[in-house]
Amino acid sequence: MEASDTASQGQTQSHTQGSAKTEVQLARLQVVETSVCALALAVSISLWFIAIRAPLWLDETHSFFVIKAGFAKIYSRMGWPIVPVYPYILWFGSKVLGTSEIALRIPSIVAMLGAVYLLYRAARELFDRDAALIAAVVFCLHPIVISAAIDVRPYAFAAFTINASILALVRLRNDRSDWLAALFGVLAAGIGHFQFIFTIILPALAVCFIYAKIDDRRALWRQGSIALAAFTLFFLPVIPVLEVMFKTSGTHVFDDAPDLSELGWTLAPAWLLYIFLATILLAIATRQLDLRRRLDRWSLLLCASLALVPILILFGVSVETSIHVFVARYRLVAIPGIALCWAWLINRVNSPAIRSLFCVAMVASIAYPLLTSPEAKEHGYTWKYALEVAEKDASTDGSPVLICSDFPESDELPIPVGAAVKDSGLFAPLSYYPLSVPVVGLPRALNGNAMRIISSFVQDAAQQHKRFVALAFTPSFKTLDFIRDAASSTHDIKLLGTIDGIGILEFTPRSVNGSRTATSN
């Protein structure tokens, strides 16, 4: 009997030691996974800086134009209706950091870092630490976020406000605080202060709030009323902007209708989809895929709504109407929700080792092409180099330069004349990359106004035997053709180059060089 008791005690002690050993091993694996995911997050953020020295692209030069004349003139220089929160932030940053390309991008980088932290905090409320880190990694690695993080535009701040709204909403689920409800309303309204198009995420936020409080009607009405009142008060400055933009929506069209491949790429970039499928197959093979875990319907609704509602609205509007706004930077509104969806899916994999492998594979798949491609150091097309060529050629004798604006609004707004061209938002690249010679402005499209300006200018240039240069981005190449046709009988034409899609033509009067050596592009 004593021998039997001793054997039983030995088996119990051995089982306890085995369980303790297993728990220690599991804890070590979780520490390794957390460390790997944290390192992957750091590498993901570092990828933002590859193009930080790139010249400013078109819209970034407009941001600089708005703040160039000082704090007092910011509002009057915006050109078209926006809520001027970001320009004042940028102006303050320029006073502290300077106006170099890097300095102008630092405020956006700081805002996007804050957006990453807020998304992680929101994901941490929904998932375990490692899945939350994976959500942050997916967010940081998305090409749209990589671009927006260094963009001298308000998109990083809009992402920060969206993620702050998500975090407030997640905490409201189990919190009856009136102050938190008011903060949620203010943050939701704040999204429109940075990018009015991003207000398409508001239906998703509202539906998730109602579903979270549906079982507590008293809290739903009280907190809902407070959030709505705060939202209404802080959203008032956005309403005039929305009214004007809807009335003039046709003047802001600048892209073609999207197709399903663009939608699919936004929801699941190929590198992410393939890696995820491989991860799931590995989890199935090793029996580490947990499909029996209780489904949290609210978390699923939150992730899916934040991802699908805004992106499908953008896609539907762009496909079914003439307002084509399915451009990459506007799709940023859905990336936080998309990142949460991928975290929700990967959270079904129980193995820390497999999840770590998923994280490493994600980073490697995007880091390698970015670090090895010269194009990764570019940040959108820029007028810098084309203007440098024009300045070098025209400044030798003070020849004037004709420039087509690349803002769609230039087709409707009055075109400035004389010195005013160089200080106009329609020709914003000249505010950061100036020309020393006279500039003649043209609309983006070859319309009646453009033809009138060109005909008058070419006639005057022919009479005065004047040399000149013309520049236009790809959508305005018809205008270059019109200028060439108008001047073909009096000028020799030479293509100086096409840089970043910007064509540069030189027009030399025949009476000056004495022979006809016209060159066609």
Protein backbone atom coordinates (compact mmCIF):
# COMPACT_ATOMS: atom_id res chain seq x y z
CA MET A 1 0.00 0.00 0.00
CA GLU A 2 2.80 2.39 0.92
CA ALA A 3 4.63 1.49 -2.32
CA SER A 4 1.44 2.25 -4.29
CA ASP A 5 1.05 5.66 -2.59
CA THR A 6 4.69 6.45 -3.22
CA ALA A 7 4.35 5.58 -6.92
CA SER A 8 1.19 7.72 -7.19
CA GLN A 9 2.93 10.67 -5.56
CA GLY A 10 5.88 10.26 -7.90
CA GLN A 11 3.60 10.27 -10.94
CA THR A 12 1.80 13.40 -9.69
CA GLN A 13 5.08 15.16 -9.01
CA SER A 14 6.41 14.16 -12.42
CA HIS A 15 3.21 15.41 -14.11
CA THR A 16 3.41 18.72 -12.21
CA GLN A 17 7.02 19.19 -13.18
CA GLY A 18 6.18 18.37 -16.79
CA SER A 19 3.33 20.91 -16.82
CA ALA A 20 5.54 23.55 -15.27
CA LYS A 21 8.24 22.84 -17.82
CA THR A 22 5.72 23.12 -20.65
CA GLU A 23 4.43 26.43 -19.30
CA VAL A 24 7.96 27.79 -19.06
CA GLN A 25 8.69 26.74 -22.65
CA LEU A 26 5.46 28.32 -23.84
CA ALA A 27 6.25 31.54 -21.98
CA ARG A 28 9.70 31.61 -23.57
CA LEU A 29 8.18 31.10 -27.01
CA GLN A 30 5.75 33.95 -26.40
CA VAL A 31 8.61 36.22 -25.32
CA VAL A 32 10.50 35.31 -28.49
CA GLU A 33 7.40 35.95 -30.62
CA THR A 34 6.82 39.33 -29.00
CA SER A 35 10.47 40.27 -29.51
CA VAL A 36 10.40 39.18 -33.15
CA CYS A 37 7.17 41.09 -33.83
CA ALA A 38 8.50 44.19 -32.06
CA LEU A 39 11.69 44.03 -34.14
CA ALA A 40 9.59 43.57 -37.30
CA LEU A 41 7.60 46.66 -36.34
CA ALA A 42 10.80 48.68 -35.94
CA VAL A 43 12.05 47.53 -39.36
CA SER A 44 8.66 48.31 -40.91
CA ILE A 45 8.78 51.87 -39.60
CA SER A 46 12.35 52.31 -40.84
CA LEU A 47 11.16 51.62 -44.39
CA TRP A 48 9.26 54.91 -44.35
CA PHE A 49 12.55 56.80 -44.44
CA ILE A 50 13.85 55.38 -47.72
CA ALA A 51 12.33 58.23 -49.73
CA ILE A 52 12.52 60.95 -47.08
CA ARG A 53 15.08 62.94 -49.12
CA ALA A 54 12.99 62.82 -52.31
CA PRO A 55 11.94 66.12 -53.91
CA LEU A 56 8.42 67.36 -53.20
CA TRP A 57 5.71 66.17 -55.55
CA LEU A 58 2.90 68.37 -56.87
CA ASP A 59 0.54 68.40 -53.88
CA GLU A 60 3.40 68.77 -51.42
CA THR A 61 4.53 71.95 -53.15
CA HIS A 62 1.01 73.31 -52.70
CA SER A 63 1.27 72.64 -48.96
CA PHE A 64 4.44 74.71 -48.93
CA PHE A 65 2.83 77.44 -51.05
CA VAL A 66 0.05 77.82 -48.46
CA ILE A 67 2.46 78.48 -45.60
CA LYS A 68 5.18 80.33 -47.53
CA ALA A 69 3.79 83.84 -46.97
CA GLY A 70 3.44 83.41 -43.21
CA PHE A 71 0.84 82.60 -40.57
CA ALA A 72 -1.47 85.54 -41.33
CA LYS A 73 -1.90 84.63 -45.00
CA ILE A 74 -2.42 80.89 -44.67
CA TYR A 75 -6.20 80.99 -44.92
CA SER A 76 -6.25 83.28 -47.97
CA ARG A 77 -3.67 81.17 -49.84
CA MET A 78 -5.42 77.81 -49.56
CA GLY A 79 -7.05 78.35 -52.94
CA TRP A 80 -9.89 75.88 -52.53
CA PRO A 81 -11.99 75.01 -49.48
CA ILE A 82 -10.25 72.96 -46.79
CA VAL A 83 -10.33 73.13 -43.01
CA PRO A 84 -6.97 74.84 -42.31
CA VAL A 85 -5.78 72.74 -39.37
CA TYR A 86 -2.89 71.03 -41.13
CA PRO A 87 -1.43 74.18 -42.75
CA TYR A 88 -1.05 75.79 -39.34
CA ILE A 89 0.64 72.64 -37.99
CA LEU A 90 2.97 72.63 -40.98
CA TRP A 91 3.74 76.34 -40.56
CA PHE A 92 4.65 75.82 -36.91
CA GLY A 93 6.82 72.83 -37.82
CA SER A 94 8.62 74.86 -40.50
CA LYS A 95 9.45 77.54 -37.95
CA VAL A 96 10.97 74.97 -35.62
CA LEU A 97 12.58 72.59 -38.13
CA GLY A 98 13.08 74.60 -41.31
CA THR A 99 11.73 74.20 -44.84
CA SER A 100 13.93 71.51 -46.36
CA GLU A 101 12.18 68.46 -47.81
CA ILE A 102 13.11 66.42 -44.73
CA ALA A 103 12.05 69.12 -42.28
CA LEU A 104 8.67 69.54 -43.95
CA ARG A 105 8.07 65.79 -43.69
CA ILE A 106 8.87 65.40 -39.99
CA PRO A 107 5.39 66.48 -38.73
CA SER A 108 3.77 63.77 -40.86
CA ILE A 109 6.23 61.15 -39.62
CA VAL A 110 5.49 62.05 -36.00
CA ALA A 111 1.74 61.91 -36.66
CA MET A 112 2.01 58.52 -38.35
CA LEU A 113 4.10 57.15 -35.48
CA GLY A 114 1.29 58.26 -33.18
CA ALA A 115 -1.22 56.55 -35.48
CA VAL A 116 0.74 53.29 -35.23
CA TYR A 117 0.77 53.46 -31.44
CA LEU A 118 -2.97 54.19 -31.24
CA LEU A 119 -3.77 51.33 -33.60
CA TYR A 120 -1.64 49.01 -31.48
CA ARG A 121 -3.47 50.12 -28.34
CA ALA A 122 -6.84 49.53 -30.01
CA ALA A 123 -5.74 46.11 -31.27
CA ARG A 124 -4.41 45.26 -27.82
CA GLU A 125 -7.93 45.76 -26.46
CA LEU A 126 -9.20 43.24 -29.02
CA PHE A 127 -6.40 40.66 -29.28
CA ASP A 128 -3.32 39.46 -27.44
CA ARG A 129 -0.09 41.45 -27.53
CA ASP A 130 1.44 39.57 -30.45
CA ALA A 131 -1.62 39.88 -32.69
CA ALA A 132 -1.76 43.58 -31.84
CA LEU A 133 1.87 43.96 -32.92
CA ILE A 134 1.06 42.12 -36.15
CA ALA A 135 -1.78 44.58 -36.80
CA ALA A 136 0.69 47.44 -36.38
CA VAL A 137 3.20 45.76 -38.71
CA VAL A 138 0.58 45.21 -41.43
CA PHE A 139 -0.43 48.86 -41.11
CA CYS A 140 3.16 50.14 -41.34
CA LEU A 141 4.04 47.92 -44.30
CA HIS A 142 1.09 48.85 -46.46
CA PRO A 143 2.42 50.86 -49.43
CA ILE A 144 -0.26 53.51 -48.90
CA VAL A 145 0.93 54.09 -45.32
CA ILE A 146 4.60 54.10 -46.36
CA SER A 147 3.80 56.90 -48.79
CA ALA A 148 1.52 58.88 -46.47
CA ALA A 149 4.01 58.73 -43.59
CA ILE A 150 6.40 61.12 -45.34
CA ASP A 151 3.86 63.08 -47.37
CA VAL A 152 3.78 66.83 -46.77
CA ARG A 153 0.01 66.58 -46.70
CA PRO A 154 -2.59 66.05 -43.93
CA TYR A 155 -3.06 62.30 -44.49
CA ALA A 156 -0.84 61.13 -41.62
CA PHE A 157 -2.75 63.40 -39.26
CA ALA A 158 -6.03 62.04 -40.61
CA ALA A 159 -4.76 58.49 -39.92
CA PHE A 160 -3.82 59.57 -36.38
CA THR A 161 -7.35 60.92 -35.79
CA ILE A 162 -8.99 57.82 -37.29
CA ASN A 163 -6.98 55.50 -35.06
CA ALA A 164 -7.68 57.67 -32.02
CA SER A 165 -11.40 57.39 -32.83
CA ILE A 166 -11.08 53.62 -33.11
CA LEU A 167 -9.33 53.38 -29.74
CA ALA A 168 -12.00 55.55 -28.09
CA LEU A 169 -14.73 53.40 -29.65
CA VAL A 170 -13.13 50.15 -28.49
CA ARG A 171 -12.87 51.43 -24.94
CA LEU A 172 -16.45 52.73 -25.01
CA ARG A 173 -17.65 49.18 -25.46
CA ASN A 174 -17.20 48.47 -21.75
CA ASP A 175 -17.05 52.02 -20.43
CA ARG A 176 -20.01 54.21 -19.42
CA SER A 177 -17.94 57.40 -19.15
CA ASP A 178 -19.63 60.50 -20.55
CA TRP A 179 -16.24 62.15 -21.04
CA LEU A 180 -15.06 59.25 -23.19
CA ALA A 181 -18.25 59.51 -25.26
CA ALA A 182 -17.62 63.24 -25.79
CA LEU A 183 -14.00 62.53 -26.77
CA PHE A 184 -15.20 59.94 -29.27
CA GLY A 185 -17.50 62.51 -30.85
CA VAL A 186 -14.75 65.13 -31.06
CA LEU A 187 -12.28 62.67 -32.59
CA ALA A 188 -14.81 61.44 -35.15
CA ALA A 189 -15.48 65.04 -36.19
CA GLY A 190 -11.74 65.72 -36.27
CA ILE A 191 -11.30 63.26 -39.13
CA GLY A 192 -13.00 65.72 -41.46
CA HIS A 193 -10.71 68.53 -40.34
CA PHE A 194 -7.75 66.78 -41.93
CA GLN A 195 -9.41 65.16 -44.97
CA PHE A 196 -13.11 65.64 -45.62
CA ILE A 197 -13.28 62.54 -47.86
CA PHE A 198 -12.31 60.39 -44.89
CA THR A 199 -15.69 61.15 -43.31
CA ILE A 200 -16.94 58.11 -45.23
CA ILE A 201 -15.69 56.07 -42.26
CA LEU A 202 -18.30 57.67 -39.97
CA PRO A 203 -21.11 55.16 -40.79
CA ALA A 204 -18.82 52.29 -39.70
CA LEU A 205 -17.98 54.04 -36.42
CA ALA A 206 -21.67 54.77 -35.74
CA VAL A 207 -22.83 51.21 -36.45
CA CYS A 208 -20.14 49.71 -34.21
CA PHE A 209 -20.98 52.14 -31.40
CA ILE A 210 -24.68 51.25 -31.55
CA TYR A 211 -23.96 47.51 -31.64
CA ALA A 212 -21.62 47.81 -28.65
CA LYS A 213 -24.32 49.53 -26.57
CA ILE A 214 -27.43 47.78 -27.85
CA ASP A 215 -27.78 45.72 -24.68
CA ASP A 216 -27.54 48.80 -22.47
CA ARG A 217 -30.20 51.13 -23.83
CA ARG A 218 -29.71 53.75 -21.14
CA ALA A 219 -25.99 54.04 -21.85
CA LEU A 220 -26.69 53.99 -25.59
CA TRP A 221 -29.00 57.01 -25.42
CA ARG A 222 -26.95 58.96 -22.90
CA GLN A 223 -23.51 58.37 -24.37
CA GLY A 224 -24.85 58.46 -27.92
CA SER A 225 -26.44 61.87 -27.33
CA ILE A 226 -23.24 63.23 -25.80
CA ALA A 227 -21.09 61.87 -28.63
CA LEU A 228 -23.49 63.26 -31.24
CA ALA A 229 -23.58 66.70 -29.62
CA ALA A 230 -19.76 66.85 -29.43
CA PHE A 231 -19.50 65.61 -33.00
CA THR A 232 -21.98 68.18 -34.31
CA LEU A 233 -20.25 71.07 -32.57
CA PHE A 234 -16.77 70.18 -33.84
CA PHE A 235 -17.98 69.16 -37.29
CA LEU A 236 -19.50 72.56 -38.10
CA PRO A 237 -16.33 73.95 -39.80
CA VAL A 238 -16.31 70.95 -42.16
CA ILE A 239 -19.87 71.45 -43.45
CA PRO A 240 -19.12 74.47 -45.70
CA VAL A 241 -16.19 72.56 -47.18
CA LEU A 242 -18.41 69.59 -47.99
CA GLU A 243 -21.04 71.84 -49.57
CA VAL A 244 -18.54 73.56 -51.85
CA MET A 245 -16.79 70.32 -52.80
CA PHE A 246 -20.07 68.63 -53.73
CA LYS A 247 -21.11 71.62 -55.83
CA THR A 248 -17.77 71.67 -57.65
CA SER A 249 -17.12 67.93 -57.68
CA GLY A 250 -16.58 67.88 -61.43
CA THR A 251 -13.56 70.16 -61.18
CA HIS A 252 -11.72 67.81 -58.81
CA VAL A 253 -11.78 64.70 -61.02
CA PHE A 254 -8.22 63.62 -61.76
CA ASP A 255 -8.20 59.85 -62.16
CA ASP A 256 -9.82 57.08 -64.21
CA ALA A 257 -12.50 54.71 -62.96
CA PRO A 258 -10.91 51.90 -60.88
CA ASP A 259 -11.14 48.16 -61.50
CA LEU A 260 -11.43 45.24 -59.09
CA SER A 261 -7.68 44.59 -59.11
CA GLU A 262 -7.08 47.96 -57.40
CA LEU A 263 -9.67 47.10 -54.78
CA GLY A 264 -8.09 43.70 -54.22
CA TRP A 265 -4.59 45.19 -53.96
CA THR A 266 -5.79 47.60 -51.27
CA LEU A 267 -7.47 44.89 -49.18
CA ALA A 268 -4.78 42.28 -49.70
CA PRO A 269 -1.51 43.23 -51.42
CA ALA A 270 -0.20 40.14 -53.20
CA TRP A 271 2.77 39.71 -50.87
CA LEU A 272 0.48 39.71 -47.83
CA LEU A 273 -2.12 37.36 -49.30
CA TYR A 274 0.42 34.73 -50.38
CA ILE A 275 2.26 34.82 -47.08
CA PHE A 276 -1.00 34.53 -45.15
CA LEU A 277 -2.15 31.53 -47.21
CA ALA A 278 1.20 29.82 -46.64
CA THR A 279 0.92 30.54 -42.91
CA ILE A 280 -2.58 29.05 -42.71
CA LEU A 281 -1.48 25.92 -44.58
CA LEU A 282 1.43 25.51 -42.17
CA ALA A 283 -0.89 26.00 -39.20
CA ILE A 284 -3.29 23.37 -40.56
CA ALA A 285 -0.44 20.92 -41.18
CA THR A 286 0.84 21.35 -37.61
CA ARG A 287 -2.67 21.42 -36.10
CA GLN A 288 -2.17 24.94 -34.78
CA LEU A 289 -5.21 26.55 -36.43
CA ASP A 290 -7.90 27.22 -33.83
CA LEU A 291 -11.39 27.37 -35.35
CA ARG A 292 -13.23 26.44 -32.17
CA ARG A 293 -12.50 29.61 -30.24
CA ARG A 294 -15.59 31.59 -29.32
CA LEU A 295 -16.38 34.21 -31.94
CA ASP A 296 -16.53 37.79 -30.69
CA ARG A 297 -19.14 39.22 -33.03
CA TRP A 298 -18.51 42.82 -32.06
CA SER A 299 -14.78 42.58 -32.78
CA LEU A 300 -15.51 40.97 -36.14
CA LEU A 301 -18.06 43.68 -36.95
CA LEU A 302 -15.61 46.40 -35.94
CA CYS A 303 -12.72 45.09 -38.04
CA ALA A 304 -14.85 44.29 -41.08
CA SER A 305 -16.80 47.56 -40.99
CA LEU A 306 -13.74 49.76 -40.64
CA ALA A 307 -12.11 47.96 -43.57
CA LEU A 308 -15.01 47.46 -45.97
CA VAL A 309 -17.43 50.37 -45.47
CA PRO A 310 -15.07 53.22 -46.46
CA ILE A 311 -13.24 51.35 -49.20
CA LEU A 312 -16.45 50.12 -50.83
CA ILE A 313 -17.97 53.61 -50.71
CA LEU A 314 -14.90 55.02 -52.44
CA PHE A 315 -14.93 52.23 -55.00
CA GLY A 316 -18.66 52.43 -55.66
CA VAL A 317 -18.67 56.20 -56.11
CA SER A 318 -15.67 56.03 -58.42
CA VAL A 319 -17.20 53.28 -60.57
CA GLU A 320 -20.79 54.47 -60.75
CA THR A 321 -20.24 58.24 -61.05
CA SER A 322 -17.90 60.62 -62.81
CA ILE A 323 -16.22 61.45 -59.48
CA HIS A 324 -13.19 59.18 -59.64
CA VAL A 325 -11.59 59.41 -56.21
CA PHE A 326 -10.26 55.86 -55.78
CA VAL A 327 -6.69 57.15 -55.60
CA ALA A 328 -4.20 55.52 -53.27
CA ARG A 329 -3.94 58.31 -50.71
CA TYR A 330 -7.73 58.42 -50.22
CA ARG A 331 -7.77 54.65 -49.62
CA LEU A 332 -5.71 55.30 -46.49
CA VAL A 333 -9.02 55.70 -44.65
CA ALA A 334 -9.56 51.93 -44.77
CA ILE A 335 -6.02 50.73 -43.95
CA PRO A 336 -6.47 50.70 -40.12
CA GLY A 337 -9.52 48.47 -40.50
CA ILE A 338 -7.72 46.28 -43.04
CA ALA A 339 -4.78 45.84 -40.63
CA LEU A 340 -7.18 44.88 -37.83
CA CYS A 341 -8.85 42.31 -40.10
CA TRP A 342 -5.54 40.61 -40.83
CA ALA A 343 -4.72 40.58 -37.12
CA TRP A 344 -8.14 39.06 -36.40
CA LEU A 345 -7.42 36.29 -38.91
CA ILE A 346 -3.86 35.54 -37.77
CA ASN A 347 -5.05 35.49 -34.17
CA ARG A 348 -6.60 32.10 -34.97
CA VAL A 349 -3.11 30.60 -35.27
CA ASN A 350 -2.03 29.30 -31.87
CA SER A 351 1.65 28.70 -32.55
CA PRO A 352 3.96 31.58 -31.53
CA ALA A 353 6.61 30.23 -33.87
CA ILE A 354 4.30 30.29 -36.89
CA ARG A 355 3.05 33.79 -36.12
CA SER A 356 6.64 34.99 -35.76
CA LEU A 357 7.45 33.42 -39.12
CA PHE A 358 4.45 35.22 -40.64
CA CYS A 359 5.69 38.53 -39.27
CA VAL A 360 9.26 38.05 -40.51
CA ALA A 361 8.08 36.93 -43.96
CA MET A 362 5.89 40.04 -44.28
CA VAL A 363 8.73 42.39 -43.51
CA ALA A 364 11.21 40.58 -45.74
CA SER A 365 8.83 40.49 -48.70
CA ILE A 366 8.39 44.27 -48.74
CA ALA A 367 11.78 45.34 -47.34
CA TYR A 368 13.89 43.60 -49.98
CA PRO A 369 12.32 45.25 -53.05
CA LEU A 370 12.23 48.64 -51.33
CA LEU A 371 15.88 48.48 -50.28
CA THR A 372 17.09 47.27 -53.67
CA SER A 373 14.96 49.37 -56.03
CA PRO A 374 16.13 52.87 -57.05
CA GLU A 375 12.47 53.82 -57.59
CA ALA A 376 11.81 53.33 -53.87
CA LYS A 377 13.77 56.52 -53.21
CA GLU A 378 11.21 58.51 -55.18
CA HIS A 379 8.05 59.97 -53.68
CA GLY A 380 5.68 60.66 -56.54
CA TYR A 381 6.53 62.62 -59.63
CA THR A 382 8.24 65.95 -59.10
CA TRP A 383 8.60 69.15 -61.10
CA LYS A 384 12.02 69.84 -59.59
CA TYR A 385 14.21 68.37 -62.31
CA ALA A 386 12.10 69.59 -65.23
CA LEU A 387 12.16 73.11 -63.80
CA GLU A 388 15.93 72.87 -63.37
CA VAL A 389 16.30 72.04 -67.08
CA ALA A 390 13.97 74.89 -68.02
CA GLU A 391 15.84 77.34 -65.78
CA LYS A 392 19.21 76.34 -67.20
CA ASP A 393 18.00 76.76 -70.77
CA ALA A 394 15.83 79.88 -70.41
CA SER A 395 18.01 81.86 -68.02
CA THR A 396 20.79 82.26 -70.61
CA ASP A 397 18.80 85.03 -72.31
CA GLY A 398 15.78 85.51 -70.03
CA SER A 399 13.42 83.58 -72.31
CA PRO A 400 9.87 83.17 -70.97
CA VAL A 401 8.52 79.76 -69.96
CA LEU A 402 4.99 78.50 -70.62
CA ILE A 403 3.77 76.08 -67.95
CA CYS A 404 0.56 74.07 -67.85
CA SER A 405 -0.84 73.79 -64.34
CA ASP A 406 -1.37 70.21 -63.23
CA PHE A 407 -4.25 71.01 -60.90
CA PRO A 408 -7.69 70.17 -62.37
CA GLU A 409 -9.04 73.32 -60.72
CA SER A 410 -7.01 75.39 -63.18
CA ASP A 411 -9.52 74.50 -65.89
CA GLU A 412 -12.21 76.44 -64.03
CA LEU A 413 -10.38 79.11 -62.02
CA PRO A 414 -8.91 82.29 -63.57
CA ILE A 415 -5.31 81.87 -64.72
CA PRO A 416 -2.97 84.47 -63.15
CA VAL A 417 -0.84 86.61 -65.42
CA GLY A 418 2.57 88.22 -65.11
CA ALA A 419 4.46 87.92 -61.84
CA ALA A 420 1.35 86.54 -60.12
CA VAL A 421 1.92 83.17 -61.83
CA LYS A 422 4.95 82.48 -59.64
CA ASP A 423 2.94 83.14 -56.50
CA SER A 424 -0.18 81.16 -57.37
CA GLY A 425 -1.41 77.92 -55.88
CA LEU A 426 -2.25 76.69 -59.40
CA PHE A 427 1.49 76.75 -60.12
CA ALA A 428 2.65 75.69 -56.66
CA PRO A 429 5.86 73.92 -57.78
CA LEU A 430 7.27 77.38 -58.58
CA SER A 431 6.94 78.36 -54.92
CA TYR A 432 9.48 75.70 -53.88
CA TYR A 433 11.49 75.27 -57.09
CA PRO A 434 11.44 78.84 -58.49
CA LEU A 435 12.29 80.11 -61.96
CA SER A 436 14.16 83.36 -62.45
CA VAL A 437 12.65 84.01 -65.90
CA PRO A 438 9.13 85.24 -66.81
CA VAL A 439 6.40 82.59 -66.66
CA VAL A 440 3.16 82.33 -68.62
CA GLY A 441 0.53 80.13 -66.99
CA LEU A 442 -1.85 77.80 -68.82
CA PRO A 443 -4.77 75.59 -67.69
CA ARG A 444 -4.34 71.85 -67.35
CA ALA A 445 -6.68 71.03 -70.23
CA LEU A 446 -6.51 72.30 -73.78
CA ASN A 447 -9.65 74.43 -73.54
CA GLY A 448 -10.69 77.70 -75.10
CA ASN A 449 -8.83 79.75 -72.53
CA ALA A 450 -5.60 77.82 -73.15
CA MET A 451 -5.91 78.26 -76.91
CA ARG A 452 -6.50 81.99 -76.54
CA ILE A 453 -3.45 82.49 -74.27
CA ILE A 454 -1.22 80.37 -76.53
CA SER A 455 -2.31 82.04 -79.77
CA SER A 456 -1.69 85.51 -78.36
CA PHE A 457 1.68 84.53 -76.89
CA VAL A 458 2.97 82.76 -80.01
CA GLN A 459 1.91 85.64 -82.23
CA ASP A 460 3.79 88.07 -79.99
CA ALA A 461 6.83 85.76 -79.85
CA ALA A 462 6.90 85.55 -83.66
CA GLN A 463 6.69 89.32 -84.07
CA GLN A 464 9.46 89.93 -81.52
CA HIS A 465 11.58 86.94 -82.67
CA LYS A 466 11.42 85.70 -79.10
CA ARG A 467 12.75 82.36 -77.89
CA PHE A 468 10.69 80.47 -75.27
CA VAL A 469 10.33 77.15 -73.44
CA ALA A 470 7.16 75.16 -72.70
CA LEU A 471 6.52 72.55 -69.98
CA ALA A 472 3.56 70.24 -69.38
CA PHE A 473 2.82 67.06 -67.45
CA THR A 474 1.41 64.06 -69.33
CA PRO A 475 -2.31 65.04 -69.10
CA SER A 476 -1.42 68.35 -70.80
CA PHE A 477 0.60 66.97 -73.72
CA LYS A 478 -2.20 68.01 -76.11
CA THR A 479 -1.41 71.57 -75.10
CA LEU A 480 2.26 71.05 -76.01
CA ASP A 481 1.13 69.75 -79.39
CA PHE A 482 -1.04 72.82 -79.86
CA ILE A 483 1.87 75.14 -78.98
CA ARG A 484 4.13 73.29 -81.40
CA ASP A 485 1.58 73.52 -84.21
CA ALA A 486 0.98 77.23 -83.52
CA ALA A 487 4.71 78.01 -83.60
CA SER A 488 5.82 75.55 -86.30
CA SER A 489 5.90 78.19 -89.05
CA THR A 490 8.05 80.66 -87.11
CA HIS A 491 10.16 78.64 -84.66
CA ASP A 492 12.46 75.66 -84.64
CA ILE A 493 11.37 73.17 -81.99
CA LYS A 494 13.61 70.98 -79.86
CA LEU A 495 12.65 68.41 -77.24
CA LEU A 496 14.88 69.07 -74.23
CA GLY A 497 13.60 65.98 -72.47
CA THR A 498 10.74 64.26 -70.68
CA ILE A 499 11.43 64.05 -66.95
CA ASP A 500 8.98 62.38 -64.56
CA GLY A 501 6.35 62.61 -67.27
CA ILE A 502 6.94 66.36 -67.78
CA GLY A 503 7.73 67.27 -71.37
CA ILE A 504 10.10 70.21 -72.05
CA LEU A 505 10.16 71.90 -75.46
CA GLU A 506 12.45 74.70 -76.62
CA PHE A 507 11.21 77.11 -79.32
CA THR A 508 13.83 79.13 -81.18
CA PRO A 509 12.84 81.73 -83.84
CA ARG A 510 14.28 80.87 -87.27
CA SER A 511 15.52 84.36 -87.87
CA VAL A 512 17.87 83.88 -84.91
CA ASN A 513 19.64 80.65 -85.86
CA GLY A 514 19.15 81.11 -89.60
CA SER A 515 18.05 77.59 -90.48
CA ARG A 516 15.20 75.22 -89.95
CA THR A 517 16.11 72.38 -87.61
CA ALA A 518 12.77 71.54 -86.09
CA THR A 519 12.69 68.44 -83.99
CA SER A 520 9.46 66.57 -83.31
CA ASN A 521 8.66 64.72 -80.13
